[in-house]
Amino acid sequence: MVFELFDEQHEDLEARIHYELTDYRVNTAREFFRYPLDKAIALLLQLAKPVKKFAEQYVAEDVTQRLREKYPEYLRPDIVSVRIVQIPGRVWLEITSETEIAGYLVNQIIQCTDLAFIVDTDEAFFKSEDDVSFNANKLVNDYDVYSIIMTTDLFHDEACQKIAGVHEMQRPST
């Protein structure tokens, strides 16, 4: 994915962009256009309705490389992108994975997990009021491995079993 834009009137925006790019359509039955990417992004931004307030905007931060460096043996190998995504009132984890099909096709799956259910002493751990970089740092630096395996699908099965086993051994017996 190269560029994302959220617009409450997305159907209208799509119709306007299709109208503007009519002469660049590859096939009248398909939604493919032969048009420079930088100009397409500029046109999309030009046609989009302005956001009323800066705080209403969608923000995201990619943490893939940081997670790969911190958990090189745990992260699922099919993951191509991990992002913290925020809009006012919501914070979620977006995991994009890819699998190859028949040696030449790529199936891409984007899994979004709302992070509102994660609490620390009765307070949300990831808050939408916080800067997206702050929440991204919390995921990478402050969120422990056991919490990761219990709330996300970032790690492969063997890593999850290993982490769960270590956690069980560390629990005090009653």
Protein backbone atom coordinates (compact mmCIF):
# COMPACT_ATOMS: atom_id res chain seq x y z
CA MET A 1 0.00 0.00 0.00
CA VAL A 2 1.40 3.37 -0.99
CA PHE A 3 -1.14 5.91 0.25
CA GLU A 4 -4.28 5.96 2.39
CA LEU A 5 -6.90 8.64 2.83
CA PHE A 6 -10.03 8.39 4.94
CA ASP A 7 -13.04 10.35 3.76
CA GLU A 8 -16.55 10.08 5.18
CA GLN A 9 -17.89 10.63 1.64
CA HIS A 10 -15.70 7.92 0.12
CA GLU A 11 -18.26 6.84 -2.52
CA ASP A 12 -18.51 10.42 -3.78
CA LEU A 13 -14.72 10.77 -3.78
CA GLU A 14 -14.34 7.51 -5.70
CA ALA A 15 -16.89 8.65 -8.30
CA ARG A 16 -15.13 12.00 -8.73
CA ILE A 17 -11.68 10.41 -9.10
CA HIS A 18 -13.06 7.91 -11.66
CA TYR A 19 -14.59 10.80 -13.62
CA GLU A 20 -11.29 12.73 -13.60
CA LEU A 21 -9.32 9.67 -14.72
CA THR A 22 -11.78 8.45 -17.41
CA ASP A 23 -9.26 9.02 -20.20
CA TYR A 24 -6.64 6.96 -18.33
CA ARG A 25 -8.78 3.86 -17.70
CA VAL A 26 -7.07 0.69 -18.98
CA ASN A 27 -10.34 -1.20 -19.53
CA THR A 28 -13.89 0.18 -19.24
CA ALA A 29 -14.95 -2.89 -17.25
CA ARG A 30 -12.14 -2.59 -14.70
CA GLU A 31 -10.96 -0.06 -12.10
CA PHE A 32 -7.39 0.15 -13.38
CA PHE A 33 -5.83 3.37 -14.61
CA ARG A 34 -2.53 4.15 -16.33
CA TYR A 35 -1.66 7.36 -14.47
CA PRO A 36 1.46 8.51 -12.57
CA LEU A 37 1.26 7.64 -8.87
CA ASP A 38 2.44 11.04 -7.60
CA LYS A 39 -0.19 12.80 -9.72
CA ALA A 40 -2.89 10.35 -8.57
CA ILE A 41 -2.11 11.12 -4.93
CA ALA A 42 -2.14 14.88 -5.63
CA LEU A 43 -5.49 14.54 -7.42
CA LEU A 44 -6.94 12.50 -4.58
CA LEU A 45 -5.87 15.11 -2.04
CA GLN A 46 -7.27 17.89 -4.22
CA LEU A 47 -10.67 16.19 -4.61
CA ALA A 48 -11.01 15.05 -0.98
CA LYS A 49 -13.18 17.11 1.32
CA PRO A 50 -11.02 19.01 3.80
CA VAL A 51 -10.92 17.58 7.29
CA LYS A 52 -12.76 19.90 9.67
CA LYS A 53 -10.16 19.66 12.43
CA PHE A 54 -6.63 18.31 12.47
CA ALA A 55 -7.60 16.03 15.39
CA GLU A 56 -10.13 14.24 13.14
CA GLN A 57 -7.42 12.91 10.91
CA TYR A 58 -6.26 9.36 10.62
CA VAL A 59 -2.66 8.76 11.71
CA ALA A 60 -0.51 5.65 11.59
CA GLU A 61 3.03 4.61 12.42
CA ASP A 62 4.78 1.56 11.03
CA VAL A 63 6.65 -0.47 13.67
CA THR A 64 7.55 -3.49 11.53
CA GLN A 65 11.31 -2.98 11.46
CA ARG A 66 11.48 -2.18 15.17
CA LEU A 67 9.56 -5.39 15.99
CA ARG A 68 11.80 -7.42 13.64
CA GLU A 69 14.86 -6.09 15.41
CA LYS A 70 13.47 -6.71 18.90
CA TYR A 71 11.85 -10.11 18.17
CA PRO A 72 13.78 -11.63 15.23
CA GLU A 73 12.98 -15.20 16.23
CA TYR A 74 9.35 -14.62 17.26
CA LEU A 75 7.69 -12.50 14.57
CA ARG A 76 5.65 -14.45 12.03
CA PRO A 77 7.59 -14.69 8.74
CA ASP A 78 4.51 -13.89 6.60
CA ILE A 79 4.09 -10.45 8.18
CA VAL A 80 5.05 -7.61 5.86
CA SER A 81 3.74 -4.66 7.88
CA VAL A 82 2.71 -3.83 11.46
CA ARG A 83 1.23 -0.44 12.22
CA ILE A 84 -0.39 1.40 15.10
CA VAL A 85 -3.34 3.26 13.60
CA GLN A 86 -5.37 5.99 15.28
CA ILE A 87 -8.41 8.15 14.71
CA PRO A 88 -10.15 10.14 17.45
CA GLY A 89 -11.54 7.66 19.95
CA ARG A 90 -9.84 4.56 18.49
CA VAL A 91 -6.42 2.91 18.44
CA TRP A 92 -5.85 -0.35 16.63
CA LEU A 93 -3.08 -2.68 15.55
CA GLU A 94 -2.96 -3.38 11.82
CA ILE A 95 -1.04 -6.49 10.74
CA THR A 96 -0.53 -7.10 7.03
CA SER A 97 0.59 -10.58 5.99
CA GLU A 98 1.29 -12.08 2.58
CA THR A 99 1.31 -15.61 1.27
CA GLU A 100 2.36 -16.73 -2.17
CA ILE A 101 -0.12 -18.77 -4.20
CA ALA A 102 0.86 -20.97 -7.14
CA GLY A 103 4.35 -19.48 -7.20
CA TYR A 104 3.35 -16.14 -8.66
CA LEU A 105 0.23 -14.73 -6.98
CA VAL A 106 0.31 -12.95 -3.62
CA ASN A 107 -2.58 -13.09 -1.20
CA GLN A 108 -2.49 -10.16 1.21
CA ILE A 109 -4.48 -10.14 4.45
CA ILE A 110 -4.88 -7.08 6.64
CA GLN A 111 -5.96 -7.89 10.19
CA CYS A 112 -7.05 -5.06 12.46
CA THR A 113 -7.27 -5.50 16.23
CA ASP A 114 -8.89 -2.78 18.30
CA LEU A 115 -6.61 -2.12 21.28
CA ALA A 116 -9.31 -0.59 23.52
CA PHE A 117 -9.70 -3.81 25.52
CA ILE A 118 -6.12 -3.64 26.83
CA VAL A 119 -6.08 -1.97 30.23
CA ASP A 120 -3.44 -1.27 32.84
CA THR A 121 -4.84 -0.57 36.34
CA ASP A 122 -8.34 0.23 35.01
CA GLU A 123 -7.01 2.65 32.38
CA ALA A 124 -6.56 2.06 28.67
CA PHE A 125 -2.98 1.09 27.87
CA PHE A 126 -3.17 2.55 24.34
CA LYS A 127 -5.05 5.88 24.34
CA SER A 128 -6.27 7.63 21.21
CA GLU A 129 -5.53 11.00 22.87
CA ASP A 130 -1.83 10.08 22.97
CA ASP A 131 0.42 10.75 20.01
CA VAL A 132 0.63 7.79 17.62
CA SER A 133 4.43 7.67 18.13
CA PHE A 134 3.91 7.39 21.89
CA ASN A 135 1.55 4.40 21.40
CA ALA A 136 3.94 2.84 18.87
CA ASN A 137 6.78 3.10 21.39
CA LYS A 138 4.58 1.56 24.09
CA LEU A 139 3.86 -1.43 21.84
CA VAL A 140 7.52 -1.98 20.99
CA ASN A 141 9.18 -1.06 24.28
CA ASP A 142 6.65 -1.44 27.13
CA TYR A 143 4.27 -4.20 26.05
CA ASP A 144 5.68 -7.49 27.33
CA VAL A 145 5.96 -10.66 25.23
CA TYR A 146 3.31 -12.55 27.20
CA SER A 147 0.82 -9.73 26.64
CA ILE A 148 1.71 -9.77 22.94
CA ILE A 149 0.90 -13.48 22.58
CA MET A 150 -2.33 -13.08 24.56
CA THR A 151 -3.68 -10.11 22.56
CA THR A 152 -2.15 -10.18 19.06
CA ASP A 153 -1.20 -12.52 16.23
CA LEU A 154 2.32 -11.16 15.80
CA PHE A 155 4.29 -14.26 16.81
CA HIS A 156 4.39 -17.72 15.24
CA ASP A 157 3.03 -20.72 17.17
CA GLU A 158 6.38 -22.05 18.43
CA ALA A 159 7.27 -18.64 19.86
CA CYS A 160 3.88 -18.42 21.59
CA GLN A 161 4.33 -21.87 23.14
CA LYS A 162 7.84 -21.01 24.33
CA ILE A 163 6.73 -17.69 25.86
CA ALA A 164 3.68 -19.28 27.51
CA GLY A 165 5.87 -22.04 28.95
CA VAL A 166 8.33 -19.57 30.45
CA HIS A 167 5.43 -17.55 31.85
CA GLU A 168 3.92 -20.66 33.48
CA MET A 169 7.24 -21.52 35.11
CA GLN A 170 7.54 -17.99 36.52
CA ARG A 171 4.06 -17.93 38.04
CA PRO A 172 4.05 -18.42 41.80
CA SER A 173 2.41 -21.67 42.85
CA THR A 174 -0.62 -21.49 45.13
